Amino acid sequence: MSLQNSPVRNNDTSLSPNVEFTETDGRTRRQILDDLLTRCSNPRCTTKTRRGNLKLCSRCKIDRYCSQDCQRADWAFHKSICKTTSSIVSLAYRFAQHALAVDDFICRFIIYAIIALDLTTNPNAWKDLLILVPITVSPVARPSAVSPSERGKTELAFHMDRFQVVSQDSFGLAMRRTTEASMREAKAKGLADTVPLVTFLFAPYDNQTKAQLGHRSFLYKSECTVEKTMAIHESMLEEVRTNFNTRMTNDLLDPWLVEMKHLLNKDNVDIIRVAMNDDVQNDTNNAMNLRGYLRV
């Protein structure tokens, strides 16, 4: 497979985590993505550089390499994945990366984690748990304006199934090492040891692979999973602790949960996921870059 210049993506498939902060420092989404430190997909290469400096496999749109030499060296392993990855899985994978560049979605993921893991009362729960997000694509209800070249194709939108809180031990020692690496990176960035670092694991599936979602070993070994570790600052914990335990409408919930009639808790926190899916379906201008078409 040939290489092409890396488009906007947001994933680090290596075991070295990428701790996400909610501040954007005035950078655009593309700049944020391009500036992320990402490893070359060749496991024998030690290069870790700006995401924008790596080049993407033009077929599977998944693995990134620092050079054609590295891609050729990794081809014996990569070819089975490259040739068998379905268009649906590839599209869902790319959409997951785009979703992690949407500030509002990052905020909602963090709110979900705080509530689902009960971090306001058990701030250390993140050390044993992660959040699994099965993802796929679904037809849009309200089509976007399309170019003549896309006319007649089925427009698809990013879709997240119900999130699952699972034990890190389900993924074995590799995930534990990832958590430890996240803690070291956070400490190097000046974060206190008490700051929760919650890992989200986005697992793309299609009709053929959906049945495998329950097999943790399959998910973790899959080249198509998107792993993201997010630092949750005390200000966010306090926001949830103070305002989400009342029936007041909160700025963080508007406009997707106006005049909340019930307390947001573990039993109904799934409304956050439902609202994000609805936002993608209603984004007819595709401002979030979470709608598109299957490759041919």
Protein backbone atom coordinates (compact mmCIF):
# COMPACT_ATOMS: atom_id res chain seq x y z
CA MET A 1 0.00 0.00 0.00
CA SER A 2 1.22 3.48 -0.77
CA LEU A 3 1.51 6.30 1.72
CA GLN A 4 -0.24 9.63 1.58
CA ASN A 5 0.08 12.79 3.62
CA SER A 6 -1.73 12.35 6.92
CA PRO A 7 -5.20 13.94 7.01
CA VAL A 8 -6.93 14.99 10.21
CA ARG A 9 -6.85 12.02 12.60
CA ASN A 10 -6.67 11.65 16.37
CA ASN A 11 -5.31 8.34 17.57
CA ASP A 12 -2.18 6.85 19.06
CA THR A 13 -2.33 3.09 18.49
CA SER A 14 0.86 2.45 20.42
CA LEU A 15 0.93 1.55 24.10
CA SER A 16 2.35 4.97 24.88
CA PRO A 17 -0.72 6.91 25.98
CA ASN A 18 -1.76 10.36 24.96
CA VAL A 19 -3.14 12.25 27.94
CA GLU A 20 -5.85 14.62 26.77
CA PHE A 21 -6.48 18.01 28.34
CA THR A 22 -9.64 20.01 27.78
CA GLU A 23 -7.77 23.26 27.06
CA THR A 24 -7.10 23.98 23.38
CA ASP A 25 -4.84 27.06 23.77
CA GLY A 26 -6.57 28.73 20.83
CA ARG A 27 -5.47 26.08 18.35
CA THR A 28 -7.78 24.77 15.65
CA ARG A 29 -8.91 21.13 15.68
CA ARG A 30 -6.52 20.35 12.84
CA GLN A 31 -3.60 21.93 14.70
CA ILE A 32 -4.44 19.98 17.86
CA LEU A 33 -4.48 16.73 15.91
CA ASP A 34 -1.34 17.48 13.93
CA ASP A 35 0.56 18.39 17.12
CA LEU A 36 -0.23 15.14 18.95
CA LEU A 37 2.82 12.96 19.60
CA THR A 38 2.30 9.66 17.77
CA ARG A 39 4.49 6.59 17.30
CA CYS A 40 5.39 5.11 13.94
CA SER A 41 3.31 1.93 13.45
CA ASN A 42 6.42 -0.13 12.71
CA PRO A 43 7.05 -1.77 16.13
CA ARG A 44 10.79 -1.88 15.43
CA CYS A 45 10.92 1.89 14.94
CA THR A 46 11.38 4.14 17.98
CA THR A 47 10.23 7.32 16.22
CA LYS A 48 7.62 9.33 18.08
CA THR A 49 6.85 12.62 16.39
CA ARG A 50 4.09 15.06 15.50
CA ARG A 51 1.09 13.30 14.06
CA GLY A 52 1.19 15.65 11.11
CA ASN A 53 4.69 14.43 10.22
CA LEU A 54 3.63 10.79 9.81
CA LYS A 55 2.08 9.38 6.67
CA LEU A 56 -1.04 7.25 6.51
CA CYS A 57 -1.53 3.92 4.75
CA SER A 58 -3.65 4.92 1.78
CA ARG A 59 -5.79 1.78 1.79
CA CYS A 60 -6.80 0.98 5.36
CA LYS A 61 -6.50 4.57 6.64
CA ILE A 62 -5.35 3.17 9.98
CA ASP A 63 -1.59 2.73 10.42
CA ARG A 64 0.90 5.61 10.17
CA TYR A 65 4.57 5.44 9.30
CA CYS A 66 7.49 7.83 9.40
CA SER A 67 8.80 6.55 6.06
CA GLN A 68 8.14 4.10 3.24
CA ASP A 69 11.03 2.00 4.56
CA CYS A 70 9.17 1.55 7.85
CA GLN A 71 5.97 0.65 6.04
CA ARG A 72 7.76 -1.96 3.94
CA ALA A 73 9.45 -3.39 7.05
CA ASP A 74 6.06 -3.76 8.76
CA TRP A 75 4.20 -5.09 5.72
CA ALA A 76 4.44 -8.78 6.68
CA PHE A 77 2.39 -8.04 9.81
CA HIS A 78 0.28 -5.17 8.50
CA LYS A 79 -0.93 -6.75 5.24
CA SER A 80 -3.43 -9.12 6.90
CA ILE A 81 -5.04 -6.19 8.70
CA CYS A 82 -4.82 -3.85 5.73
CA LYS A 83 -6.45 -6.32 3.33
CA THR A 84 -9.24 -7.48 5.63
CA THR A 85 -10.35 -4.28 7.37
CA SER A 86 -13.85 -3.56 6.15
CA SER A 87 -14.92 -0.16 4.85
CA ILE A 88 -17.35 0.20 7.76
CA VAL A 89 -14.69 -0.50 10.39
CA SER A 90 -12.24 1.86 8.69
CA LEU A 91 -14.82 4.66 8.51
CA ALA A 92 -15.89 4.20 12.14
CA TYR A 93 -12.22 4.20 13.18
CA ARG A 94 -11.61 7.52 11.43
CA PHE A 95 -14.79 9.02 12.86
CA ALA A 96 -13.69 8.11 16.40
CA GLN A 97 -10.52 10.11 15.87
CA HIS A 98 -12.51 13.08 14.58
CA ALA A 99 -14.89 12.88 17.57
CA LEU A 100 -11.93 13.26 19.92
CA ALA A 101 -11.15 16.61 18.29
CA VAL A 102 -14.59 18.03 19.15
CA ASP A 103 -14.24 20.03 22.37
CA ASP A 104 -17.89 19.57 23.32
CA PHE A 105 -17.62 15.80 22.93
CA ILE A 106 -14.45 15.69 25.06
CA CYS A 107 -16.35 17.55 27.77
CA ARG A 108 -19.23 15.07 27.59
CA PHE A 109 -16.92 12.06 27.68
CA ILE A 110 -15.38 13.46 30.85
CA ILE A 111 -18.78 14.11 32.45
CA TYR A 112 -19.82 10.57 31.55
CA ALA A 113 -16.66 9.16 33.13
CA ILE A 114 -17.11 11.12 36.34
CA ILE A 115 -20.66 9.87 36.79
CA ALA A 116 -20.27 6.30 35.49
CA LEU A 117 -17.14 5.67 37.57
CA ASP A 118 -18.50 7.67 40.53
CA LEU A 119 -15.27 9.65 40.68
CA THR A 120 -16.70 12.34 42.95
CA THR A 121 -16.86 9.82 45.80
CA ASN A 122 -14.33 7.22 44.60
CA PRO A 123 -11.59 9.21 42.82
CA ASN A 124 -9.30 6.17 42.49
CA ALA A 125 -11.77 4.01 40.53
CA TRP A 126 -10.03 4.93 37.27
CA LYS A 127 -6.99 2.88 38.29
CA ASP A 128 -8.97 -0.35 37.91
CA LEU A 129 -11.57 0.49 35.25
CA LEU A 130 -11.84 1.77 31.69
CA ILE A 131 -14.74 2.72 29.44
CA LEU A 132 -15.34 0.60 26.35
CA VAL A 133 -17.21 2.35 23.52
CA PRO A 134 -18.44 0.10 20.68
CA ILE A 135 -18.66 2.25 17.53
CA THR A 136 -19.98 1.82 14.01
CA VAL A 137 -21.76 3.90 11.35
CA SER A 138 -25.45 4.27 10.56
CA PRO A 139 -27.41 5.94 7.72
CA VAL A 140 -28.24 9.58 8.31
CA ALA A 141 -31.85 10.66 8.76
CA ARG A 142 -31.19 14.15 7.37
CA PRO A 143 -28.76 14.06 4.43
CA SER A 144 -26.16 16.74 3.87
CA ALA A 145 -25.80 18.70 0.67
CA VAL A 146 -23.61 16.43 -1.44
CA SER A 147 -21.28 16.97 -4.35
CA PRO A 148 -22.16 15.38 -7.71
CA SER A 149 -19.46 12.74 -7.16
CA GLU A 150 -21.24 11.51 -4.00
CA ARG A 151 -24.77 11.60 -5.40
CA GLY A 152 -26.53 8.27 -5.12
CA LYS A 153 -24.31 7.01 -2.28
CA THR A 154 -25.63 6.31 1.21
CA GLU A 155 -24.43 8.96 3.64
CA LEU A 156 -23.33 7.47 6.97
CA ALA A 157 -22.86 8.96 10.43
CA PHE A 158 -20.69 8.06 13.40
CA HIS A 159 -22.67 6.03 15.94
CA MET A 160 -21.73 4.98 19.48
CA ASP A 161 -23.41 2.02 21.14
CA ARG A 162 -23.98 1.91 24.89
CA PHE A 163 -20.75 2.52 26.81
CA GLN A 164 -19.45 -0.28 29.04
CA VAL A 165 -17.42 0.16 32.22
CA VAL A 166 -15.01 -2.80 32.31
CA SER A 167 -12.09 -3.93 34.41
CA GLN A 168 -8.61 -3.16 33.11
CA ASP A 169 -7.63 -6.65 34.18
CA SER A 170 -9.84 -7.97 31.38
CA PHE A 171 -7.12 -6.78 29.01
CA GLY A 172 -4.23 -8.26 30.92
CA LEU A 173 -0.85 -6.82 31.76
CA ALA A 174 -0.62 -4.66 28.62
CA MET A 175 -3.43 -2.37 29.78
CA ARG A 176 -1.94 -2.11 33.25
CA ARG A 177 1.32 -0.98 31.68
CA THR A 178 -0.59 1.58 29.64
CA THR A 179 -2.17 2.97 32.81
CA GLU A 180 1.22 3.18 34.50
CA ALA A 181 2.64 4.96 31.45
CA SER A 182 -0.28 7.43 31.57
CA MET A 183 0.52 8.18 35.20
CA ARG A 184 4.19 8.80 34.38
CA GLU A 185 3.29 11.10 31.48
CA ALA A 186 0.80 13.04 33.59
CA LYS A 187 3.36 13.48 36.35
CA ALA A 188 5.91 14.72 33.80
CA LYS A 189 3.36 17.31 32.70
CA GLY A 190 2.99 18.54 36.27
CA LEU A 191 -0.31 16.88 37.14
CA ALA A 192 -0.85 15.84 40.74
CA ASP A 193 -1.03 12.13 41.52
CA THR A 194 -4.64 12.63 42.59
CA VAL A 195 -5.85 13.69 39.11
CA PRO A 196 -7.96 10.85 37.61
CA LEU A 197 -6.78 9.59 34.20
CA VAL A 198 -9.68 7.80 32.55
CA THR A 199 -9.07 5.61 29.49
CA PHE A 200 -11.70 5.30 26.75
CA LEU A 201 -11.32 2.41 24.31
CA PHE A 202 -13.29 2.91 21.07
CA ALA A 203 -13.89 -0.41 19.30
CA PRO A 204 -15.15 -0.23 15.68
CA TYR A 205 -17.32 -3.08 14.43
CA ASP A 206 -19.41 -4.15 11.45
CA ASN A 207 -21.99 -6.92 11.10
CA GLN A 208 -19.26 -9.57 10.86
CA THR A 209 -17.22 -8.45 13.86
CA LYS A 210 -20.00 -7.33 16.23
CA ALA A 211 -20.15 -10.76 17.88
CA GLN A 212 -16.46 -10.44 18.81
CA LEU A 213 -16.96 -7.26 20.84
CA GLY A 214 -17.36 -9.27 24.03
CA HIS A 215 -13.90 -10.81 23.68
CA ARG A 216 -11.53 -8.44 25.45
CA SER A 217 -8.40 -10.03 23.96
CA PHE A 218 -9.75 -9.44 20.44
CA LEU A 219 -10.49 -5.81 21.22
CA TYR A 220 -7.14 -4.99 22.73
CA LYS A 221 -5.12 -6.74 20.04
CA SER A 222 -7.16 -5.15 17.26
CA GLU A 223 -5.24 -2.56 15.26
CA CYS A 224 -8.50 -0.67 14.79
CA THR A 225 -9.20 0.26 18.40
CA VAL A 226 -8.78 3.91 19.33
CA GLU A 227 -7.43 4.43 22.82
CA LYS A 228 -7.63 7.79 24.58
CA THR A 229 -6.66 8.73 28.13
CA MET A 230 -8.24 11.90 29.52
CA ALA A 231 -7.10 13.87 32.56
CA ILE A 232 -10.03 14.96 34.72
CA HIS A 233 -9.20 18.10 36.67
CA GLU A 234 -10.67 18.98 40.04
CA SER A 235 -12.67 21.82 38.47
CA MET A 236 -14.66 19.28 36.43
CA LEU A 237 -15.14 17.02 39.44
CA GLU A 238 -16.40 19.96 41.45
CA GLU A 239 -18.71 21.04 38.62
CA VAL A 240 -20.36 17.63 38.60
CA ARG A 241 -20.31 17.31 42.38
CA THR A 242 -22.00 20.69 42.85
CA ASN A 243 -24.36 21.17 39.93
CA PHE A 244 -25.20 17.73 38.58
CA ASN A 245 -26.66 16.72 41.93
CA THR A 246 -29.38 19.34 41.58
CA ARG A 247 -32.24 19.78 39.15
CA MET A 248 -30.73 23.00 37.84
CA THR A 249 -29.97 23.24 34.14
CA ASN A 250 -26.20 23.36 33.83
CA ASP A 251 -24.21 25.24 31.19
CA LEU A 252 -22.33 22.05 30.39
CA LEU A 253 -25.61 20.35 29.52
CA ASP A 254 -27.07 23.02 27.25
CA PRO A 255 -28.42 22.76 24.63
CA TRP A 256 -28.56 18.99 24.56
CA LEU A 257 -30.23 18.50 27.95
CA VAL A 258 -32.37 21.54 28.64
CA GLU A 259 -34.50 21.70 31.80
CA MET A 260 -33.29 18.41 33.18
CA LYS A 261 -36.17 16.80 35.03
CA HIS A 262 -34.17 14.07 36.73
CA LEU A 263 -30.84 13.88 38.45
CA LEU A 264 -28.03 12.70 36.21
CA ASN A 265 -26.73 9.46 37.72
CA LYS A 266 -25.42 6.01 36.78
CA ASP A 267 -28.91 4.86 35.84
CA ASN A 268 -29.58 7.55 33.23
CA VAL A 269 -26.07 8.73 32.27
CA ASP A 270 -26.54 7.02 28.89
CA ILE A 271 -28.49 10.12 27.85
CA ILE A 272 -25.09 11.74 27.21
CA ARG A 273 -24.24 9.15 24.54
CA VAL A 274 -27.71 9.40 22.99
CA ALA A 275 -27.39 13.18 22.78
CA MET A 276 -24.00 12.96 21.05
CA ASN A 277 -25.40 10.54 18.47
CA ASP A 278 -28.32 12.91 17.90
CA ASP A 279 -25.94 15.82 17.41
CA VAL A 280 -24.12 13.93 14.66
CA GLN A 281 -27.41 13.04 12.97
CA ASN A 282 -28.48 16.70 13.08
CA ASP A 283 -25.14 18.07 11.84
CA THR A 284 -26.21 18.46 8.22
CA ASN A 285 -23.32 20.85 7.56
CA ASN A 286 -20.90 18.16 8.81
CA ALA A 287 -19.10 20.72 10.95
CA MET A 288 -17.81 17.93 13.21
CA ASN A 289 -16.57 15.83 10.27
CA LEU A 290 -18.48 12.81 11.60
CA ARG A 291 -20.47 12.01 8.46
CA GLY A 292 -19.26 10.51 5.22
CA TYR A 293 -19.32 7.67 2.70
CA LEU A 294 -17.79 4.23 2.40
CA ARG A 295 -14.68 3.93 0.28
CA VAL A 296 -15.00 1.91 -2.91
